[in-house]
Amino acid sequence: QVQLEESGGDLAQTGGSLRLSCAASGDTFRTTLTGWYRQSPGKQREWVASIGNAGTTYYADFVKGRFSISRDSDNWNTVYLQMNSLKPEDTADYYCNVQGASIPGDGYWGQGTRVTVSA
């Protein structure tokens, strides 16, 4: 199994920035893709961004140019989501997810970290 712990969620103002962290432990050798998802009250969980083991990044259209996903250069098991130019609609619980060929279903999930952006 893989354990994931998110951190960095906070209250921010519109136009502000936050950096979320996802620390993975356990059988991390099984993972090939690490991603961030978010869920706002009353809405379905949606994909935000992902990074592959080789560093290739992918972004949802609504965060392109504002959010950046990266891996810690000193600790491969930690992935960041740098969020800039925050908007009130970015308010959500943000979840880290890992997937891999040998990982069943939709992968492993963290408990989430809450981001609130005030208008």
PDB file of N, CA and C in Angstrom:
ATOM      1  N   GLN A   1       0.834  -1.200   0.000  1.00  0.00           N
ATOM      2  CA  GLN A   1       0.000   0.000   0.000  1.00  0.00           C
ATOM      3  C   GLN A   1       0.870   1.251   0.000  1.00  0.00           C
ATOM      4  N   VAL A   2       0.222   2.341  -0.353  1.00  0.00           N
ATOM      5  CA  VAL A   2       0.888   3.646  -0.339  1.00  0.00           C
ATOM      6  C   VAL A   2       0.080   4.571   0.560  1.00  0.00           C
ATOM      7  N   GLN A   3       0.753   5.238   1.464  1.00  0.00           N
ATOM      8  CA  GLN A   3       0.101   6.210   2.334  1.00  0.00           C
ATOM      9  C   GLN A   3       0.438   7.615   1.825  1.00  0.00           C
ATOM     10  N   LEU A   4      -0.560   8.466   1.842  1.00  0.00           N
ATOM     11  CA  LEU A   4      -0.399   9.830   1.354  1.00  0.00           C
ATOM     12  C   LEU A   4      -0.851  10.812   2.427  1.00  0.00           C
ATOM     13  N   GLU A   5      -0.065  11.845   2.611  1.00  0.00           N
ATOM     14  CA  GLU A   5      -0.420  12.884   3.576  1.00  0.00           C
ATOM     15  C   GLU A   5      -0.284  14.243   2.912  1.00  0.00           C
ATOM     16  N   GLU A   6      -1.410  14.930   2.810  1.00  0.00           N
ATOM     17  CA  GLU A   6      -1.412  16.274   2.238  1.00  0.00           C
ATOM     18  C   GLU A   6      -1.253  17.319   3.335  1.00  0.00           C
ATOM     19  N   SER A   7      -0.714  18.448   2.953  1.00  0.00           N
ATOM     20  CA  SER A   7      -0.613  19.583   3.863  1.00  0.00           C
ATOM     21  C   SER A   7      -0.538  20.860   3.043  1.00  0.00           C
ATOM     22  N   GLY A   8      -0.703  21.970   3.725  1.00  0.00           N
ATOM     23  CA  GLY A   8      -0.566  23.262   3.062  1.00  0.00           C
ATOM     24  C   GLY A   8      -1.854  24.000   2.809  1.00  0.00           C
ATOM     25  N   GLY A   9      -2.970  23.349   3.023  1.00  0.00           N
ATOM     26  CA  GLY A   9      -4.240  24.028   2.829  1.00  0.00           C
ATOM     27  C   GLY A   9      -4.414  25.154   3.841  1.00  0.00           C
ATOM     28  N   ASP A  10      -5.051  26.230   3.388  1.00  0.00           N
ATOM     29  CA  ASP A  10      -5.183  27.391   4.273  1.00  0.00           C
ATOM     30  C   ASP A  10      -6.208  28.333   3.679  1.00  0.00           C
ATOM     31  N   LEU A  11      -6.405  29.426   4.358  1.00  0.00           N
ATOM     32  CA  LEU A  11      -7.246  30.509   3.856  1.00  0.00           C
ATOM     33  C   LEU A  11      -6.359  31.481   3.086  1.00  0.00           C
ATOM     34  N   ALA A  12      -6.786  31.829   1.891  1.00  0.00           N
ATOM     35  CA  ALA A  12      -6.024  32.769   1.072  1.00  0.00           C
ATOM     36  C   ALA A  12      -6.969  33.797   0.472  1.00  0.00           C
ATOM     37  N   GLN A  13      -6.422  34.894   0.060  1.00  0.00           N
ATOM     38  CA  GLN A  13      -7.214  35.927  -0.600  1.00  0.00           C
ATOM     39  C   GLN A  13      -7.182  35.728  -2.117  1.00  0.00           C
ATOM     40  N   THR A  14      -8.177  36.255  -2.777  1.00  0.00           N
ATOM     41  CA  THR A  14      -8.182  36.221  -4.234  1.00  0.00           C
ATOM     42  C   THR A  14      -6.903  36.850  -4.770  1.00  0.00           C
ATOM     43  N   GLY A  15      -6.266  36.145  -5.696  1.00  0.00           N
ATOM     44  CA  GLY A  15      -5.006  36.604  -6.242  1.00  0.00           C
ATOM     45  C   GLY A  15      -3.791  36.115  -5.489  1.00  0.00           C
ATOM     46  N   GLY A  16      -4.020  35.488  -4.358  1.00  0.00           N
ATOM     47  CA  GLY A  16      -2.928  35.007  -3.547  1.00  0.00           C
ATOM     48  C   GLY A  16      -2.389  33.663  -4.012  1.00  0.00           C
ATOM     49  N   SER A  17      -1.477  33.113  -3.206  1.00  0.00           N
ATOM     50  CA  SER A  17      -0.829  31.854  -3.543  1.00  0.00           C
ATOM     51  C   SER A  17      -0.794  30.922  -2.341  1.00  0.00           C
ATOM     52  N   LEU A  18      -0.789  29.658  -2.637  1.00  0.00           N
ATOM     53  CA  LEU A  18      -0.595  28.614  -1.637  1.00  0.00           C
ATOM     54  C   LEU A  18       0.203  27.496  -2.284  1.00  0.00           C
ATOM     55  N   ARG A  19       0.921  26.748  -1.452  1.00  0.00           N
ATOM     56  CA  ARG A  19       1.608  25.560  -1.949  1.00  0.00           C
ATOM     57  C   ARG A  19       1.165  24.357  -1.126  1.00  0.00           C
ATOM     58  N   LEU A  20       0.617  23.392  -1.820  1.00  0.00           N
ATOM     59  CA  LEU A  20       0.207  22.144  -1.177  1.00  0.00           C
ATOM     60  C   LEU A  20       1.320  21.114  -1.325  1.00  0.00           C
ATOM     61  N   SER A  21       1.423  20.265  -0.322  1.00  0.00           N
ATOM     62  CA  SER A  21       2.410  19.188  -0.349  1.00  0.00           C
ATOM     63  C   SER A  21       1.718  17.852  -0.206  1.00  0.00           C
ATOM     64  N   CYS A  22       2.269  16.861  -0.862  1.00  0.00           N
ATOM     65  CA  CYS A  22       1.788  15.483  -0.749  1.00  0.00           C
ATOM     66  C   CYS A  22       2.994  14.599  -0.477  1.00  0.00           C
ATOM     67  N   ALA A  23       3.036  14.034   0.706  1.00  0.00           N
ATOM     68  CA  ALA A  23       4.141  13.152   1.077  1.00  0.00           C
ATOM     69  C   ALA A  23       3.671  11.711   1.003  1.00  0.00           C
ATOM     70  N   ALA A  24       4.352  10.920   0.195  1.00  0.00           N
ATOM     71  CA  ALA A  24       3.990   9.517   0.015  1.00  0.00           C
ATOM     72  C   ALA A  24       4.957   8.628   0.787  1.00  0.00           C
ATOM     73  N   SER A  25       4.421   7.527   1.297  1.00  0.00           N
ATOM     74  CA  SER A  25       5.247   6.542   1.985  1.00  0.00           C
ATOM     75  C   SER A  25       4.685   5.164   1.711  1.00  0.00           C
ATOM     76  N   GLY A  26       5.455   4.154   2.051  1.00  0.00           N
ATOM     77  CA  GLY A  26       5.020   2.781   1.791  1.00  0.00           C
ATOM     78  C   GLY A  26       5.583   2.285   0.468  1.00  0.00           C
ATOM     79  N   ASP A  27       4.751   1.602  -0.292  1.00  0.00           N
ATOM     80  CA  ASP A  27       5.191   0.982  -1.547  1.00  0.00           C
ATOM     81  C   ASP A  27       5.199   1.980  -2.700  1.00  0.00           C
ATOM     82  N   THR A  28       5.947   3.047  -2.534  1.00  0.00           N
ATOM     83  CA  THR A  28       5.939   4.102  -3.543  1.00  0.00           C
ATOM     84  C   THR A  28       6.561   3.654  -4.858  1.00  0.00           C
ATOM     85  N   PHE A  29       7.329   2.571  -4.827  1.00  0.00           N
ATOM     86  CA  PHE A  29       7.930   2.075  -6.062  1.00  0.00           C
ATOM     87  C   PHE A  29       6.872   1.620  -7.057  1.00  0.00           C
ATOM     88  N   ARG A  30       5.643   1.378  -6.574  1.00  0.00           N
ATOM     89  CA  ARG A  30       4.566   0.912  -7.443  1.00  0.00           C
ATOM     90  C   ARG A  30       3.877   2.055  -8.189  1.00  0.00           C
ATOM     91  N   THR A  31       4.159   3.284  -7.817  1.00  0.00           N
ATOM     92  CA  THR A  31       3.425   4.405  -8.402  1.00  0.00           C
ATOM     93  C   THR A  31       4.076   4.875  -9.689  1.00  0.00           C
ATOM     94  N   THR A  32       3.240   5.298 -10.648  1.00  0.00           N
ATOM     95  CA  THR A  32       3.734   5.849 -11.897  1.00  0.00           C
ATOM     96  C   THR A  32       3.188   7.243 -12.165  1.00  0.00           C
ATOM     97  N   LEU A  33       2.145   7.599 -11.436  1.00  0.00           N
ATOM     98  CA  LEU A  33       1.516   8.901 -11.657  1.00  0.00           C
ATOM     99  C   LEU A  33       1.008   9.427 -10.331  1.00  0.00           C
ATOM    100  N   THR A  34       1.334  10.659 -10.022  1.00  0.00           N
ATOM    101  CA  THR A  34       0.830  11.328  -8.821  1.00  0.00           C
ATOM    102  C   THR A  34      -0.001  12.519  -9.259  1.00  0.00           C
ATOM    103  N   GLY A  35      -1.170  12.622  -8.681  1.00  0.00           N
ATOM    104  CA  GLY A  35      -2.061  13.696  -9.102  1.00  0.00           C
ATOM    105  C   GLY A  35      -2.734  14.408  -7.953  1.00  0.00           C
ATOM    106  N   TRP A  36      -3.265  15.564  -8.274  1.00  0.00           N
ATOM    107  CA  TRP A  36      -4.083  16.324  -7.336  1.00  0.00           C
ATOM    108  C   TRP A  36      -5.497  16.412  -7.898  1.00  0.00           C
ATOM    109  N   TYR A  37      -6.452  16.225  -7.019  1.00  0.00           N
ATOM    110  CA  TYR A  37      -7.861  16.362  -7.329  1.00  0.00           C
ATOM    111  C   TYR A  37      -8.457  17.326  -6.309  1.00  0.00           C
ATOM    112  N   ARG A  38      -9.639  17.820  -6.626  1.00  0.00           N
ATOM    113  CA  ARG A  38     -10.301  18.686  -5.649  1.00  0.00           C
ATOM    114  C   ARG A  38     -11.801  18.442  -5.677  1.00  0.00           C
ATOM    115  N   GLN A  39     -12.416  18.769  -4.565  1.00  0.00           N
ATOM    116  CA  GLN A  39     -13.864  18.622  -4.452  1.00  0.00           C
ATOM    117  C   GLN A  39     -14.424  19.805  -3.685  1.00  0.00           C
ATOM    118  N   SER A  40     -15.317  20.522  -4.350  1.00  0.00           N
ATOM    119  CA  SER A  40     -15.997  21.647  -3.720  1.00  0.00           C
ATOM    120  C   SER A  40     -17.324  21.161  -3.154  1.00  0.00           C
ATOM    121  N   PRO A  41     -17.868  21.866  -2.165  1.00  0.00           N
ATOM    122  CA  PRO A  41     -19.156  21.454  -1.587  1.00  0.00           C
ATOM    123  C   PRO A  41     -20.235  21.325  -2.654  1.00  0.00           C
ATOM    124  N   GLY A  42     -20.893  20.195  -2.654  1.00  0.00           N
ATOM    125  CA  GLY A  42     -21.978  19.977  -3.584  1.00  0.00           C
ATOM    126  C   GLY A  42     -21.557  19.603  -4.990  1.00  0.00           C
ATOM    127  N   LYS A  43     -20.257  19.437  -5.213  1.00  0.00           N
ATOM    128  CA  LYS A  43     -19.760  19.101  -6.539  1.00  0.00           C
ATOM    129  C   LYS A  43     -18.994  17.789  -6.513  1.00  0.00           C
ATOM    130  N   GLN A  44     -18.834  17.207  -7.685  1.00  0.00           N
ATOM    131  CA  GLN A  44     -18.055  15.986  -7.784  1.00  0.00           C
ATOM    132  C   GLN A  44     -16.569  16.299  -7.727  1.00  0.00           C
ATOM    133  N   ARG A  45     -15.819  15.306  -7.320  1.00  0.00           N
ATOM    134  CA  ARG A  45     -14.371  15.462  -7.297  1.00  0.00           C
ATOM    135  C   ARG A  45     -13.871  15.623  -8.724  1.00  0.00           C
ATOM    136  N   GLU A  46     -12.935  16.560  -8.933  1.00  0.00           N
ATOM    137  CA  GLU A  46     -12.402  16.786 -10.270  1.00  0.00           C
ATOM    138  C   GLU A  46     -10.887  16.765 -10.254  1.00  0.00           C
ATOM    139  N   TRP A  47     -10.342  16.337 -11.358  1.00  0.00           N
ATOM    140  CA  TRP A  47      -8.892  16.254 -11.507  1.00  0.00           C
ATOM    141  C   TRP A  47      -8.323  17.652 -11.728  1.00  0.00           C
ATOM    142  N   VAL A  48      -7.160  17.905 -11.126  1.00  0.00           N
ATOM    143  CA  VAL A  48      -6.513  19.208 -11.228  1.00  0.00           C
ATOM    144  C   VAL A  48      -5.208  19.126 -12.020  1.00  0.00           C
ATOM    145  N   ALA A  49      -4.322  18.232 -11.603  1.00  0.00           N
ATOM    146  CA  ALA A  49      -3.013  18.142 -12.252  1.00  0.00           C
ATOM    147  C   ALA A  49      -2.370  16.812 -11.892  1.00  0.00           C
ATOM    148  N   SER A  50      -1.439  16.370 -12.724  1.00  0.00           N
ATOM    149  CA  SER A  50      -0.711  15.138 -12.460  1.00  0.00           C
ATOM    150  C   SER A  50       0.733  15.271 -12.908  1.00  0.00           C
ATOM    151  N   ILE A  51       1.574  14.432 -12.328  1.00  0.00           N
ATOM    152  CA  ILE A  51       2.979  14.378 -12.738  1.00  0.00           C
ATOM    153  C   ILE A  51       3.400  12.918 -12.816  1.00  0.00           C
ATOM    154  N   GLY A  52       4.058  12.569 -13.911  1.00  0.00           N
ATOM    155  CA  GLY A  52       4.546  11.218 -14.067  1.00  0.00           C
ATOM    156  C   GLY A  52       5.910  11.048 -13.429  1.00  0.00           C
ATOM    157  N   ASN A  53       6.341   9.822 -13.346  1.00  0.00           N
ATOM    158  CA  ASN A  53       7.625   9.535 -12.707  1.00  0.00           C
ATOM    159  C   ASN A  53       8.789  10.210 -13.427  1.00  0.00           C
ATOM    160  N   ALA A  54       8.659  10.391 -14.734  1.00  0.00           N
ATOM    161  CA  ALA A  54       9.725  11.029 -15.503  1.00  0.00           C
ATOM    162  C   ALA A  54       9.630  12.553 -15.487  1.00  0.00           C
ATOM    163  N   GLY A  55       8.601  13.057 -14.815  1.00  0.00           N
ATOM    164  CA  GLY A  55       8.467  14.505 -14.686  1.00  0.00           C
ATOM    165  C   GLY A  55       7.485  15.153 -15.635  1.00  0.00           C
ATOM    166  N   THR A  56       6.884  14.385 -16.514  1.00  0.00           N
ATOM    167  CA  THR A  56       5.876  14.954 -17.409  1.00  0.00           C
ATOM    168  C   THR A  56       4.681  15.433 -16.598  1.00  0.00           C
ATOM    169  N   THR A  57       4.206  16.623 -16.912  1.00  0.00           N
ATOM    170  CA  THR A  57       3.102  17.205 -16.161  1.00  0.00           C
ATOM    171  C   THR A  57       1.873  17.380 -17.034  1.00  0.00           C
ATOM    172  N   TYR A  58       0.727  17.334 -16.380  1.00  0.00           N
ATOM    173  CA  TYR A  58      -0.560  17.467 -17.046  1.00  0.00           C
ATOM    174  C   TYR A  58      -1.443  18.360 -16.188  1.00  0.00           C
ATOM    175  N   TYR A  59      -2.239  19.206 -16.844  1.00  0.00           N
ATOM    176  CA  TYR A  59      -3.073  20.148 -16.113  1.00  0.00           C
ATOM    177  C   TYR A  59      -4.477  20.210 -16.685  1.00  0.00           C
ATOM    178  N   ALA A  60      -5.434  20.386 -15.788  1.00  0.00           N
ATOM    179  CA  ALA A  60      -6.782  20.697 -16.226  1.00  0.00           C
ATOM    180  C   ALA A  60      -6.784  22.113 -16.807  1.00  0.00           C
ATOM    181  N   ASP A  61      -7.638  22.346 -17.789  1.00  0.00           N
ATOM    182  CA  ASP A  61      -7.652  23.644 -18.456  1.00  0.00           C
ATOM    183  C   ASP A  61      -7.878  24.794 -17.475  1.00  0.00           C
ATOM    184  N   PHE A  62      -8.679  24.562 -16.457  1.00  0.00           N
ATOM    185  CA  PHE A  62      -9.040  25.665 -15.566  1.00  0.00           C
ATOM    186  C   PHE A  62      -7.907  26.084 -14.633  1.00  0.00           C
ATOM    187  N   VAL A  63      -6.784  25.362 -14.623  1.00  0.00           N
ATOM    188  CA  VAL A  63      -5.644  25.762 -13.787  1.00  0.00           C
ATOM    189  C   VAL A  63      -4.393  26.063 -14.593  1.00  0.00           C
ATOM    190  N   LYS A  64      -4.435  25.841 -15.894  1.00  0.00           N
ATOM    191  CA  LYS A  64      -3.264  26.090 -16.721  1.00  0.00           C
ATOM    192  C   LYS A  64      -2.827  27.548 -16.606  1.00  0.00           C
ATOM    193  N   GLY A  65      -1.537  27.728 -16.379  1.00  0.00           N
ATOM    194  CA  GLY A  65      -1.005  29.073 -16.224  1.00  0.00           C
ATOM    195  C   GLY A  65      -1.076  29.604 -14.812  1.00  0.00           C
ATOM    196  N   ARG A  66      -1.808  28.922 -13.951  1.00  0.00           N
ATOM    197  CA  ARG A  66      -1.933  29.381 -12.560  1.00  0.00           C
ATOM    198  C   ARG A  66      -1.332  28.386 -11.573  1.00  0.00           C
ATOM    199  N   PHE A  67      -1.508  27.120 -11.801  1.00  0.00           N
ATOM    200  CA  PHE A  67      -1.025  26.075 -10.899  1.00  0.00           C
ATOM    201  C   PHE A  67       0.161  25.361 -11.539  1.00  0.00           C
ATOM    202  N   SER A  68       1.030  24.861 -10.679  1.00  0.00           N
ATOM    203  CA  SER A  68       2.190  24.113 -11.147  1.00  0.00           C
ATOM    204  C   SER A  68       2.429  22.920 -10.237  1.00  0.00           C
ATOM    205  N   ILE A  69       2.561  21.754 -10.831  1.00  0.00           N
ATOM    206  CA  ILE A  69       2.831  20.545 -10.059  1.00  0.00           C
ATOM    207  C   ILE A  69       4.301  20.178 -10.233  1.00  0.00           C
ATOM    208  N   SER A  70       4.932  19.768  -9.163  1.00  0.00           N
ATOM    209  CA  SER A  70       6.351  19.439  -9.242  1.00  0.00           C
ATOM    210  C   SER A  70       6.697  18.406  -8.173  1.00  0.00           C
ATOM    211  N   ARG A  71       7.862  17.825  -8.339  1.00  0.00           N
ATOM    212  CA  ARG A  71       8.351  16.841  -7.381  1.00  0.00           C
ATOM    213  C   ARG A  71       9.556  17.419  -6.668  1.00  0.00           C
ATOM    214  N   ASP A  72       9.645  17.179  -5.387  1.00  0.00           N
ATOM    215  CA  ASP A  72      10.774  17.673  -4.598  1.00  0.00           C
ATOM    216  C   ASP A  72      12.067  17.082  -5.127  1.00  0.00           C
ATOM    217  N   SER A  73      13.043  17.935  -5.369  1.00  0.00           N
ATOM    218  CA  SER A  73      14.303  17.469  -5.951  1.00  0.00           C
ATOM    219  C   SER A  73      15.119  16.633  -4.974  1.00  0.00           C
ATOM    220  N   ASP A  74      14.874  16.799  -3.693  1.00  0.00           N
ATOM    221  CA  ASP A  74      15.618  16.045  -2.677  1.00  0.00           C
ATOM    222  C   ASP A  74      14.843  14.859  -2.133  1.00  0.00           C
ATOM    223  N   ASN A  75      13.544  14.900  -2.310  1.00  0.00           N
ATOM    224  CA  ASN A  75      12.709  13.811  -1.800  1.00  0.00           C
ATOM    225  C   ASN A  75      11.689  13.445  -2.866  1.00  0.00           C
ATOM    226  N   TRP A  76      11.993  12.436  -3.621  1.00  0.00           N
ATOM    227  CA  TRP A  76      11.175  12.049  -4.777  1.00  0.00           C
ATOM    228  C   TRP A  76       9.738  11.738  -4.371  1.00  0.00           C
ATOM    229  N   ASN A  77       9.526  11.350  -3.143  1.00  0.00           N
ATOM    230  CA  ASN A  77       8.201  10.955  -2.686  1.00  0.00           C
ATOM    231  C   ASN A  77       7.309  12.136  -2.267  1.00  0.00           C
ATOM    232  N   THR A  78       7.797  13.336  -2.430  1.00  0.00           N
ATOM    233  CA  THR A  78       6.993  14.505  -2.095  1.00  0.00           C
ATOM    234  C   THR A  78       6.680  15.285  -3.372  1.00  0.00           C
ATOM    235  N   VAL A  79       5.405  15.549  -3.559  1.00  0.00           N
ATOM    236  CA  VAL A  79       4.926  16.284  -4.732  1.00  0.00           C
ATOM    237  C   VAL A  79       4.224  17.544  -4.254  1.00  0.00           C
ATOM    238  N   TYR A  80       4.457  18.615  -4.956  1.00  0.00           N
ATOM    239  CA  TYR A  80       3.877  19.903  -4.598  1.00  0.00           C
ATOM    240  C   TYR A  80       2.849  20.351  -5.646  1.00  0.00           C
ATOM    241  N   LEU A  81       1.933  21.156  -5.189  1.00  0.00           N
ATOM    242  CA  LEU A  81       1.032  21.869  -6.099  1.00  0.00           C
ATOM    243  C   LEU A  81       1.126  23.345  -5.724  1.00  0.00           C
ATOM    244  N   GLN A  82       1.823  24.098  -6.551  1.00  0.00           N
ATOM    245  CA  GLN A  82       1.926  25.534  -6.351  1.00  0.00           C
ATOM    246  C   GLN A  82       0.726  26.194  -7.005  1.00  0.00           C
ATOM    247  N   MET A  83      -0.032  26.920  -6.209  1.00  0.00           N
ATOM    248  CA  MET A  83      -1.260  27.533  -6.701  1.00  0.00           C
ATOM    249  C   MET A  83      -1.114  29.052  -6.629  1.00  0.00           C
ATOM    250  N   ASN A  84      -1.126  29.688  -7.762  1.00  0.00           N
ATOM    251  CA  ASN A  84      -1.015  31.142  -7.858  1.00  0.00           C
ATOM    252  C   ASN A  84      -2.296  31.723  -8.444  1.00  0.00           C
ATOM    253  N   SER A  85      -2.439  33.012  -8.301  1.00  0.00           N
ATOM    254  CA  SER A  85      -3.611  33.711  -8.837  1.00  0.00           C
ATOM    255  C   SER A  85      -4.901  33.015  -8.423  1.00  0.00           C
ATOM    256  N   LEU A  86      -4.995  32.724  -7.160  1.00  0.00           N
ATOM    257  CA  LEU A  86      -6.141  31.976  -6.657  1.00  0.00           C
ATOM    258  C   LEU A  86      -7.440  32.737  -6.857  1.00  0.00           C
ATOM    259  N   LYS A  87      -8.491  31.969  -7.100  1.00  0.00           N
ATOM    260  CA  LYS A  87      -9.829  32.512  -7.297  1.00  0.00           C
ATOM    261  C   LYS A  87     -10.774  31.889  -6.267  1.00  0.00           C
ATOM    262  N   PRO A  88     -11.864  32.553  -5.945  1.00  0.00           N
ATOM    263  CA  PRO A  88     -12.824  31.952  -5.011  1.00  0.00           C
ATOM    264  C   PRO A  88     -13.295  30.569  -5.461  1.00  0.00           C
ATOM    265  N   GLU A  89     -13.389  30.345  -6.751  1.00  0.00           N
ATOM    266  CA  GLU A  89     -13.830  29.036  -7.245  1.00  0.00           C
ATOM    267  C   GLU A  89     -12.788  27.938  -7.060  1.00  0.00           C
ATOM    268  N   ASP A  90     -11.594  28.302  -6.615  1.00  0.00           N
ATOM    269  CA  ASP A  90     -10.586  27.296  -6.267  1.00  0.00           C
ATOM    270  C   ASP A  90     -10.820  26.735  -4.864  1.00  0.00           C
ATOM    271  N   THR A  91     -11.760  27.300  -4.144  1.00  0.00           N
ATOM    272  CA  THR A  91     -12.089  26.804  -2.810  1.00  0.00           C
ATOM    273  C   THR A  91     -12.558  25.364  -2.895  1.00  0.00           C
ATOM    274  N   ALA A  92     -11.874  24.476  -2.173  1.00  0.00           N
ATOM    275  CA  ALA A  92     -12.190  23.048  -2.235  1.00  0.00           C
ATOM    276  C   ALA A  92     -11.295  22.288  -1.272  1.00  0.00           C
ATOM    277  N   ASP A  93     -11.641  21.054  -1.084  1.00  0.00           N
ATOM    278  CA  ASP A  93     -10.738  20.108  -0.430  1.00  0.00           C
ATOM    279  C   ASP A  93      -9.879  19.497  -1.530  1.00  0.00           C
ATOM    280  N   TYR A  94      -8.577  19.539  -1.343  1.00  0.00           N
ATOM    281  CA  TYR A  94      -7.637  19.044  -2.344  1.00  0.00           C
ATOM    282  C   TYR A  94      -7.066  17.705  -1.880  1.00  0.00           C
ATOM    283  N   TYR A  95      -7.088  16.749  -2.779  1.00  0.00           N
ATOM    284  CA  TYR A  95      -6.659  15.381  -2.466  1.00  0.00           C
ATOM    285  C   TYR A  95      -5.496  14.964  -3.366  1.00  0.00           C
ATOM    286  N   CYS A  96      -4.571  14.266  -2.779  1.00  0.00           N
ATOM    287  CA  CYS A  96      -3.463  13.676  -3.514  1.00  0.00           C
ATOM    288  C   CYS A  96      -3.834  12.239  -3.875  1.00  0.00           C
ATOM    289  N   ASN A  97      -3.408  11.815  -5.037  1.00  0.00           N
ATOM    290  CA  ASN A  97      -3.726  10.477  -5.526  1.00  0.00           C
ATOM    291  C   ASN A  97      -2.504   9.900  -6.237  1.00  0.00           C
ATOM    292  N   VAL A  98      -2.271   8.608  -6.052  1.00  0.00           N
ATOM    293  CA  VAL A  98      -1.216   7.935  -6.810  1.00  0.00           C
ATOM    294  C   VAL A  98      -1.808   6.730  -7.515  1.00  0.00           C
ATOM    295  N   GLN A  99      -1.325   6.490  -8.701  1.00  0.00           N
ATOM    296  CA  GLN A  99      -1.767   5.359  -9.504  1.00  0.00           C
ATOM    297  C   GLN A  99      -0.550   4.640 -10.062  1.00  0.00           C
ATOM    298  N   GLY A 100      -0.765   3.397 -10.414  1.00  0.00           N
ATOM    299  CA  GLY A 100       0.300   2.603 -10.995  1.00  0.00           C
ATOM    300  C   GLY A 100      -0.284   1.338 -11.577  1.00  0.00           C
ATOM    301  N   ALA A 101       0.486   0.686 -12.430  1.00  0.00           N
ATOM    302  CA  ALA A 101      -0.014  -0.501 -13.120  1.00  0.00           C
ATOM    303  C   ALA A 101      -0.419  -1.601 -12.144  1.00  0.00           C
ATOM    304  N   SER A 102       0.295  -1.689 -11.036  1.00  0.00           N
ATOM    305  CA  SER A 102      -0.003  -2.749 -10.079  1.00  0.00           C
ATOM    306  C   SER A 102      -0.894  -2.269  -8.939  1.00  0.00           C
ATOM    307  N   ILE A 103      -1.398  -1.058  -9.038  1.00  0.00           N
ATOM    308  CA  ILE A 103      -2.270  -0.502  -8.011  1.00  0.00           C
ATOM    309  C   ILE A 103      -3.711  -0.625  -8.490  1.00  0.00           C
ATOM    310  N   PRO A 104      -4.552  -1.263  -7.693  1.00  0.00           N
ATOM    311  CA  PRO A 104      -5.924  -1.511  -8.161  1.00  0.00           C
ATOM    312  C   PRO A 104      -6.821  -0.278  -8.121  1.00  0.00           C
ATOM    313  N   GLY A 105      -7.884  -0.346  -8.905  1.00  0.00           N
ATOM    314  CA  GLY A 105      -8.905   0.693  -8.866  1.00  0.00           C
ATOM    315  C   GLY A 105      -8.379   2.063  -9.247  1.00  0.00           C
ATOM    316  N   ASP A 106      -8.863   3.067  -8.525  1.00  0.00           N
ATOM    317  CA  ASP A 106      -8.462   4.440  -8.833  1.00  0.00           C
ATOM    318  C   ASP A 106      -7.274   4.877  -8.003  1.00  0.00           C
ATOM    319  N   GLY A 107      -6.531   3.942  -7.455  1.00  0.00           N
ATOM    320  CA  GLY A 107      -5.309   4.264  -6.751  1.00  0.00           C
ATOM    321  C   GLY A 107      -5.511   4.530  -5.275  1.00  0.00           C
ATOM    322  N   TYR A 108      -4.511   5.155  -4.693  1.00  0.00           N
ATOM    323  CA  TYR A 108      -4.558   5.500  -3.278  1.00  0.00           C
ATOM    324  C   TYR A 108      -4.793   7.000  -3.120  1.00  0.00           C
ATOM    325  N   TRP A 109      -5.519   7.332  -2.040  1.00  0.00           N
ATOM    326  CA  TRP A 109      -5.894   8.724  -1.788  1.00  0.00           C
ATOM    327  C   TRP A 109      -5.444   9.163  -0.409  1.00  0.00           C
ATOM    328  N   GLY A 110      -5.131  10.449  -0.322  1.00  0.00           N
ATOM    329  CA  GLY A 110      -4.890  11.029   0.980  1.00  0.00           C
ATOM    330  C   GLY A 110      -6.194  11.504   1.591  1.00  0.00           C
ATOM    331  N   GLN A 111      -6.091  12.100   2.777  1.00  0.00           N
ATOM    332  CA  GLN A 111      -7.279  12.554   3.494  1.00  0.00           C
ATOM    333  C   GLN A 111      -7.739  13.933   3.051  1.00  0.00           C
ATOM    334  N   GLY A 112      -6.893  14.634   2.335  1.00  0.00           N
ATOM    335  CA  GLY A 112      -7.277  15.937   1.812  1.00  0.00           C
ATOM    336  C   GLY A 112      -6.807  17.089   2.677  1.00  0.00           C
ATOM    337  N   THR A 113      -6.690  18.234   2.043  1.00  0.00           N
ATOM    338  CA  THR A 113      -6.348  19.468   2.746  1.00  0.00           C
ATOM    339  C   THR A 113      -7.240  20.570   2.187  1.00  0.00           C
ATOM    340  N   ARG A 114      -7.746  21.414   3.061  1.00  0.00           N
ATOM    341  CA  ARG A 114      -8.769  22.374   2.652  1.00  0.00           C
ATOM    342  C   ARG A 114      -8.142  23.701   2.233  1.00  0.00           C
ATOM    343  N   VAL A 115      -8.579  24.169   1.101  1.00  0.00           N
ATOM    344  CA  VAL A 115      -8.184  25.482   0.589  1.00  0.00           C
ATOM    345  C   VAL A 115      -9.423  26.360   0.510  1.00  0.00           C
ATOM    346  N   THR A 116      -9.348  27.514   1.118  1.00  0.00           N
ATOM    347  CA  THR A 116     -10.450  28.471   1.068  1.00  0.00           C
ATOM    348  C   THR A 116      -9.915  29.787   0.526  1.00  0.00           C
ATOM    349  N   VAL A 117     -10.539  30.267  -0.522  1.00  0.00           N
ATOM    350  CA  VAL A 117     -10.112  31.522  -1.134  1.00  0.00           C
ATOM    351  C   VAL A 117     -11.220  32.542  -0.940  1.00  0.00           C
ATOM    352  N   SER A 118     -10.893  33.597  -0.242  1.00  0.00           N
ATOM    353  CA  SER A 118     -11.883  34.636   0.031  1.00  0.00           C
ATOM    354  C   SER A 118     -11.932  35.631  -1.122  1.00  0.00           C
ATOM    355  N   ALA A 119     -13.139  36.159  -1.333  1.00  0.00           N
ATOM    356  CA  ALA A 119     -13.330  37.106  -2.449  1.00  0.00           C
ATOM    357  C   ALA A 119     -12.729  38.476  -2.122  1.00  0.00           C
TER     358      ALA A 119
END
